[in-house]
Amino acid sequence: MFRRKSLPLGVLVMILVLGLVTLGLGYGLWSKILYINGTVATGNVDVELSLGEFGDNEVEKDVGTCLAELLMIDEATQPNKIRVTVTNAYPSYECWVTFDVHQKGSIPVLVYQPIFSIRPPEKEVTFKMMDCYADPTQMHKPSERIWCTLYIHVEQDALQNAGRGKEGDPPAYEFEGTIEARQFNEPRP
């Protein structure tokens, strides 16, 4: 009749060894604590502000001055604030300051339009953002740049000799703007 074939001895030993290894592994995992250590490296969020061109409408006379400078707030490592000072201006004096925000980090960021404050009151001087990036603008690649121009116009009601620096003269007109940039998936408060 039919004769039953037996497994070769080598195959039988391998099955037995695999069974013992599986049993030992199961017992080891069951009775021991398994520690897993890992390191996760993330990117960084970093934008920088820089000044471009700035100038005024004076061609023949050089009376008024429009000075722009970058500032750091909250111990930041990169400039994130702009101060524009208009001195010795007169009615219809105009100046403009072009600046850019550029991506330096590896994580995409949302950049919001600058928020400017003015000193003294706004009725003497008006300002507006021209050719400015959308609010907000997402920047993806390092070294990507977005531009904006602050345009300033001294009105008819302007104080005479403002910011001239002489005793009794009114103070200069100062504009301070702060740029806000956040990680692309972080909501604005």
C-alpha atoms as a PDB file:
ATOM      1  CA  MET A   1       0.000   0.000   0.000  1.00  0.00           C
ATOM      2  CA  PHE A   2       1.015   3.522   0.498  1.00  0.00           C
ATOM      3  CA  ARG A   3       4.100   4.125   2.334  1.00  0.00           C
ATOM      4  CA  ARG A   4       4.402   7.319   4.308  1.00  0.00           C
ATOM      5  CA  LYS A   5       7.458   9.450   3.602  1.00  0.00           C
ATOM      6  CA  SER A   6       9.212  11.014   6.550  1.00  0.00           C
ATOM      7  CA  LEU A   7      10.807  14.413   6.555  1.00  0.00           C
ATOM      8  CA  PRO A   8      14.553  14.543   6.232  1.00  0.00           C
ATOM      9  CA  LEU A   9      16.339  14.886   9.513  1.00  0.00           C
ATOM     10  CA  GLY A  10      17.841  18.343   8.603  1.00  0.00           C
ATOM     11  CA  VAL A  11      14.420  19.843   7.922  1.00  0.00           C
ATOM     12  CA  LEU A  12      13.089  18.450  11.170  1.00  0.00           C
ATOM     13  CA  VAL A  13      16.008  19.988  13.122  1.00  0.00           C
ATOM     14  CA  MET A  14      15.463  23.397  11.437  1.00  0.00           C
ATOM     15  CA  ILE A  15      11.771  23.391  12.335  1.00  0.00           C
ATOM     16  CA  LEU A  16      12.651  22.500  15.908  1.00  0.00           C
ATOM     17  CA  VAL A  17      15.285  25.314  16.114  1.00  0.00           C
ATOM     18  CA  LEU A  18      12.857  27.896  14.657  1.00  0.00           C
ATOM     19  CA  GLY A  19      10.218  26.816  17.147  1.00  0.00           C
ATOM     20  CA  LEU A  20      12.624  27.212  20.054  1.00  0.00           C
ATOM     21  CA  VAL A  21      13.773  30.647  18.818  1.00  0.00           C
ATOM     22  CA  THR A  22      10.157  31.810  18.491  1.00  0.00           C
ATOM     23  CA  LEU A  23       9.327  30.483  21.943  1.00  0.00           C
ATOM     24  CA  GLY A  24      12.411  32.190  23.473  1.00  0.00           C
ATOM     25  CA  LEU A  25      11.667  35.485  21.750  1.00  0.00           C
ATOM     26  CA  GLY A  26       8.064  35.413  22.898  1.00  0.00           C
ATOM     27  CA  TYR A  27       9.105  34.660  26.453  1.00  0.00           C
ATOM     28  CA  GLY A  28      11.781  37.386  26.382  1.00  0.00           C
ATOM     29  CA  LEU A  29       9.401  40.040  25.128  1.00  0.00           C
ATOM     30  CA  TRP A  30       6.729  38.976  27.544  1.00  0.00           C
ATOM     31  CA  SER A  31       8.858  39.089  30.636  1.00  0.00           C
ATOM     32  CA  LYS A  32      11.258  41.978  29.809  1.00  0.00           C
ATOM     33  CA  ILE A  33      10.850  45.692  29.235  1.00  0.00           C
ATOM     34  CA  LEU A  34      11.704  46.776  25.733  1.00  0.00           C
ATOM     35  CA  TYR A  35      13.287  50.233  25.421  1.00  0.00           C
ATOM     36  CA  ILE A  36      13.317  52.092  22.128  1.00  0.00           C
ATOM     37  CA  ASN A  37      15.405  55.237  21.779  1.00  0.00           C
ATOM     38  CA  GLY A  38      15.188  57.580  18.827  1.00  0.00           C
ATOM     39  CA  THR A  39      16.045  61.078  17.710  1.00  0.00           C
ATOM     40  CA  VAL A  40      13.809  63.308  15.635  1.00  0.00           C
ATOM     41  CA  ALA A  41      15.415  66.219  13.826  1.00  0.00           C
ATOM     42  CA  THR A  42      13.126  69.045  12.736  1.00  0.00           C
ATOM     43  CA  GLY A  43      13.753  72.098  10.629  1.00  0.00           C
ATOM     44  CA  ASN A  44      13.802  75.711  11.732  1.00  0.00           C
ATOM     45  CA  VAL A  45      11.626  78.778  11.210  1.00  0.00           C
ATOM     46  CA  ASP A  46      13.770  81.776  10.349  1.00  0.00           C
ATOM     47  CA  VAL A  47      13.029  84.932   8.363  1.00  0.00           C
ATOM     48  CA  GLU A  48      15.089  88.080   8.027  1.00  0.00           C
ATOM     49  CA  LEU A  49      14.246  91.646   7.168  1.00  0.00           C
ATOM     50  CA  SER A  50      16.443  93.838   4.999  1.00  0.00           C
ATOM     51  CA  LEU A  51      16.215  97.314   3.551  1.00  0.00           C
ATOM     52  CA  GLY A  52      16.146  98.022  -0.137  1.00  0.00           C
ATOM     53  CA  GLU A  53      16.068 101.459  -1.718  1.00  0.00           C
ATOM     54  CA  PHE A  54      14.714 104.538  -0.001  1.00  0.00           C
ATOM     55  CA  GLY A  55      14.464 108.114  -1.147  1.00  0.00           C
ATOM     56  CA  ASP A  56      12.360 111.254  -1.349  1.00  0.00           C
ATOM     57  CA  ASN A  57      10.882 113.728  -3.822  1.00  0.00           C
ATOM     58  CA  GLU A  58      13.556 116.375  -3.330  1.00  0.00           C
ATOM     59  CA  VAL A  59      15.450 117.038  -6.530  1.00  0.00           C
ATOM     60  CA  GLU A  60      16.837 120.544  -6.184  1.00  0.00           C
ATOM     61  CA  LYS A  61      16.756 121.231  -2.445  1.00  0.00           C
ATOM     62  CA  ASP A  62      17.961 118.849   0.188  1.00  0.00           C
ATOM     63  CA  VAL A  63      15.886 119.934   3.178  1.00  0.00           C
ATOM     64  CA  GLY A  64      13.899 116.971   4.477  1.00  0.00           C
ATOM     65  CA  THR A  65      15.434 113.660   5.480  1.00  0.00           C
ATOM     66  CA  CYS A  66      13.974 110.178   5.411  1.00  0.00           C
ATOM     67  CA  LEU A  67      16.084 107.661   7.335  1.00  0.00           C
ATOM     68  CA  ALA A  68      15.289 103.935   7.619  1.00  0.00           C
ATOM     69  CA  GLU A  69      16.891 101.466  10.001  1.00  0.00           C
ATOM     70  CA  LEU A  70      16.369  97.883  11.106  1.00  0.00           C
ATOM     71  CA  LEU A  71      15.805  96.965  14.762  1.00  0.00           C
ATOM     72  CA  MET A  72      15.614  93.788  16.797  1.00  0.00           C
ATOM     73  CA  ILE A  73      12.925  93.172  19.395  1.00  0.00           C
ATOM     74  CA  ASP A  74      12.589  90.485  22.035  1.00  0.00           C
ATOM     75  CA  GLU A  75      16.251  89.470  21.769  1.00  0.00           C
ATOM     76  CA  ALA A  76      15.687  88.191  18.241  1.00  0.00           C
ATOM     77  CA  THR A  77      18.699  87.019  16.289  1.00  0.00           C
ATOM     78  CA  GLN A  78      17.516  88.661  13.072  1.00  0.00           C
ATOM     79  CA  PRO A  79      16.061  92.153  12.521  1.00  0.00           C
ATOM     80  CA  ASN A  80      12.265  92.035  12.649  1.00  0.00           C
ATOM     81  CA  LYS A  81      11.321  95.687  13.010  1.00  0.00           C
ATOM     82  CA  ILE A  82      11.748  98.772  10.803  1.00  0.00           C
ATOM     83  CA  ARG A  83      11.985 102.369  12.008  1.00  0.00           C
ATOM     84  CA  VAL A  84      11.584 105.218   9.513  1.00  0.00           C
ATOM     85  CA  THR A  85      12.297 108.746  10.756  1.00  0.00           C
ATOM     86  CA  VAL A  86      11.271 111.821   8.766  1.00  0.00           C
ATOM     87  CA  THR A  87      12.966 115.035   9.866  1.00  0.00           C
ATOM     88  CA  ASN A  88      12.827 118.652   8.776  1.00  0.00           C
ATOM     89  CA  ALA A  89       9.973 117.885   6.390  1.00  0.00           C
ATOM     90  CA  TYR A  90       7.543 120.357   4.869  1.00  0.00           C
ATOM     91  CA  PRO A  91       4.026 120.094   3.348  1.00  0.00           C
ATOM     92  CA  SER A  92       3.962 117.739   0.355  1.00  0.00           C
ATOM     93  CA  TYR A  93       7.290 116.167   1.246  1.00  0.00           C
ATOM     94  CA  GLU A  94       7.227 112.523   0.157  1.00  0.00           C
ATOM     95  CA  CYS A  95       9.525 109.625   0.835  1.00  0.00           C
ATOM     96  CA  TRP A  96       9.467 105.883   0.393  1.00  0.00           C
ATOM     97  CA  VAL A  97      11.260 102.916   1.871  1.00  0.00           C
ATOM     98  CA  THR A  98      11.463  99.544   0.148  1.00  0.00           C
ATOM     99  CA  PHE A  99      12.183  96.489   2.265  1.00  0.00           C
ATOM    100  CA  ASP A 100      12.032  92.743   1.879  1.00  0.00           C
ATOM    101  CA  VAL A 101      11.407  89.707   4.018  1.00  0.00           C
ATOM    102  CA  HIS A 102      13.398  86.644   3.088  1.00  0.00           C
ATOM    103  CA  GLN A 103      13.158  83.042   4.166  1.00  0.00           C
ATOM    104  CA  LYS A 104      16.256  81.642   5.860  1.00  0.00           C
ATOM    105  CA  GLY A 105      14.815  78.548   7.535  1.00  0.00           C
ATOM    106  CA  SER A 106      13.872  75.124   6.259  1.00  0.00           C
ATOM    107  CA  ILE A 107      10.194  75.129   7.331  1.00  0.00           C
ATOM    108  CA  PRO A 108       7.631  77.054   5.235  1.00  0.00           C
ATOM    109  CA  VAL A 109       6.390  80.252   6.908  1.00  0.00           C
ATOM    110  CA  LEU A 110       3.413  82.581   6.649  1.00  0.00           C
ATOM    111  CA  VAL A 111       4.455  86.242   6.557  1.00  0.00           C
ATOM    112  CA  TYR A 112       1.901  88.920   7.417  1.00  0.00           C
ATOM    113  CA  GLN A 113       1.956  92.504   6.184  1.00  0.00           C
ATOM    114  CA  PRO A 114       3.765  94.876   8.522  1.00  0.00           C
ATOM    115  CA  ILE A 115       1.867  96.753  11.179  1.00  0.00           C
ATOM    116  CA  PHE A 116       3.082 100.364  11.455  1.00  0.00           C
ATOM    117  CA  SER A 117       2.594 102.850  14.248  1.00  0.00           C
ATOM    118  CA  ILE A 118       3.248 106.571  13.837  1.00  0.00           C
ATOM    119  CA  ARG A 119       4.327 109.309  16.198  1.00  0.00           C
ATOM    120  CA  PRO A 120       3.043 112.132  16.336  1.00  0.00           C
ATOM    121  CA  PRO A 121      -0.606 111.882  15.199  1.00  0.00           C
ATOM    122  CA  GLU A 122      -1.537 110.652  11.753  1.00  0.00           C
ATOM    123  CA  LYS A 123      -3.389 113.788  10.607  1.00  0.00           C
ATOM    124  CA  GLU A 124      -0.084 115.497   9.798  1.00  0.00           C
ATOM    125  CA  VAL A 125       1.427 112.598   7.892  1.00  0.00           C
ATOM    126  CA  THR A 126      -0.194 109.818   5.898  1.00  0.00           C
ATOM    127  CA  PHE A 127       1.373 106.571   4.876  1.00  0.00           C
ATOM    128  CA  LYS A 128       0.386 103.515   2.907  1.00  0.00           C
ATOM    129  CA  MET A 129       1.842 100.221   1.783  1.00  0.00           C
ATOM    130  CA  MET A 130       2.485  99.998  -1.948  1.00  0.00           C
ATOM    131  CA  ASP A 131       3.395  96.988  -4.077  1.00  0.00           C
ATOM    132  CA  CYS A 132       3.236  94.892  -0.944  1.00  0.00           C
ATOM    133  CA  TYR A 133       2.923  91.125  -0.707  1.00  0.00           C
ATOM    134  CA  ALA A 134      -0.474  89.578   0.070  1.00  0.00           C
ATOM    135  CA  ASP A 135      -1.545  89.115   3.677  1.00  0.00           C
ATOM    136  CA  PRO A 136      -0.476  86.425   4.518  1.00  0.00           C
ATOM    137  CA  THR A 137       2.069  85.132   2.023  1.00  0.00           C
ATOM    138  CA  GLN A 138       3.519  81.657   2.356  1.00  0.00           C
ATOM    139  CA  MET A 139       7.239  81.288   1.715  1.00  0.00           C
ATOM    140  CA  HIS A 140       8.614  77.821   1.024  1.00  0.00           C
ATOM    141  CA  LYS A 141      12.215  77.874  -0.142  1.00  0.00           C
ATOM    142  CA  PRO A 142      15.247  79.279   1.632  1.00  0.00           C
ATOM    143  CA  SER A 143      16.403  82.565   0.092  1.00  0.00           C
ATOM    144  CA  GLU A 144      12.874  83.300  -1.215  1.00  0.00           C
ATOM    145  CA  ARG A 145      12.103  87.056  -0.952  1.00  0.00           C
ATOM    146  CA  ILE A 146       8.943  89.166  -0.840  1.00  0.00           C
ATOM    147  CA  TRP A 147       8.991  92.955  -1.197  1.00  0.00           C
ATOM    148  CA  CYS A 148       7.009  95.885   0.142  1.00  0.00           C
ATOM    149  CA  THR A 149       7.249  99.698  -0.085  1.00  0.00           C
ATOM    150  CA  LEU A 150       6.183 102.141   2.626  1.00  0.00           C
ATOM    151  CA  TYR A 151       5.112 105.465   1.079  1.00  0.00           C
ATOM    152  CA  ILE A 152       4.980 108.561   3.359  1.00  0.00           C
ATOM    153  CA  HIS A 153       3.379 111.915   2.534  1.00  0.00           C
ATOM    154  CA  VAL A 154       3.605 114.992   4.786  1.00  0.00           C
ATOM    155  CA  GLU A 155       0.240 116.778   4.767  1.00  0.00           C
ATOM    156  CA  GLN A 156      -0.573 120.495   4.761  1.00  0.00           C
ATOM    157  CA  ASP A 157      -1.229 120.402   8.543  1.00  0.00           C
ATOM    158  CA  ALA A 158       2.344 119.298   9.272  1.00  0.00           C
ATOM    159  CA  LEU A 159       4.205 121.030  12.052  1.00  0.00           C
ATOM    160  CA  GLN A 160       6.890 123.450  10.955  1.00  0.00           C
ATOM    161  CA  ASN A 161      10.488 122.460  11.657  1.00  0.00           C
ATOM    162  CA  ALA A 162       9.492 119.001  12.908  1.00  0.00           C
ATOM    163  CA  GLY A 163      12.516 116.961  13.859  1.00  0.00           C
ATOM    164  CA  ARG A 164      15.030 119.680  13.145  1.00  0.00           C
ATOM    165  CA  GLY A 165      16.649 119.071  16.503  1.00  0.00           C
ATOM    166  CA  LYS A 166      16.610 122.655  17.731  1.00  0.00           C
ATOM    167  CA  GLU A 167      15.279 123.729  21.117  1.00  0.00           C
ATOM    168  CA  GLY A 168      11.475 124.025  21.052  1.00  0.00           C
ATOM    169  CA  ASP A 169      11.032 122.306  17.681  1.00  0.00           C
ATOM    170  CA  PRO A 170       8.423 119.536  17.432  1.00  0.00           C
ATOM    171  CA  PRO A 171       9.728 115.940  17.368  1.00  0.00           C
ATOM    172  CA  ALA A 172      10.432 114.080  14.142  1.00  0.00           C
ATOM    173  CA  TYR A 173       7.818 111.882  12.527  1.00  0.00           C
ATOM    174  CA  GLU A 174       8.609 108.270  13.360  1.00  0.00           C
ATOM    175  CA  PHE A 175       7.122 105.132  11.899  1.00  0.00           C
ATOM    176  CA  GLU A 176       7.798 101.742  13.432  1.00  0.00           C
ATOM    177  CA  GLY A 177       6.718  98.595  11.661  1.00  0.00           C
ATOM    178  CA  THR A 178       6.846  95.031  12.908  1.00  0.00           C
ATOM    179  CA  ILE A 179       6.852  92.001  10.642  1.00  0.00           C
ATOM    180  CA  GLU A 180       5.141  88.849  11.878  1.00  0.00           C
ATOM    181  CA  ALA A 181       6.119  85.456  10.504  1.00  0.00           C
ATOM    182  CA  ARG A 182       4.819  82.102  11.733  1.00  0.00           C
ATOM    183  CA  GLN A 183       5.261  78.479  10.885  1.00  0.00           C
ATOM    184  CA  PHE A 184       2.895  77.689   7.990  1.00  0.00           C
ATOM    185  CA  ASN A 185       0.568  75.488  10.071  1.00  0.00           C
ATOM    186  CA  GLU A 186       0.512  77.645  13.219  1.00  0.00           C
ATOM    187  CA  PRO A 187      -2.638  79.726  13.620  1.00  0.00           C
ATOM    188  CA  ARG A 188      -2.443  83.459  14.245  1.00  0.00           C
ATOM    189  CA  PRO A 189      -3.715  84.397  17.737  1.00  0.00           C
END
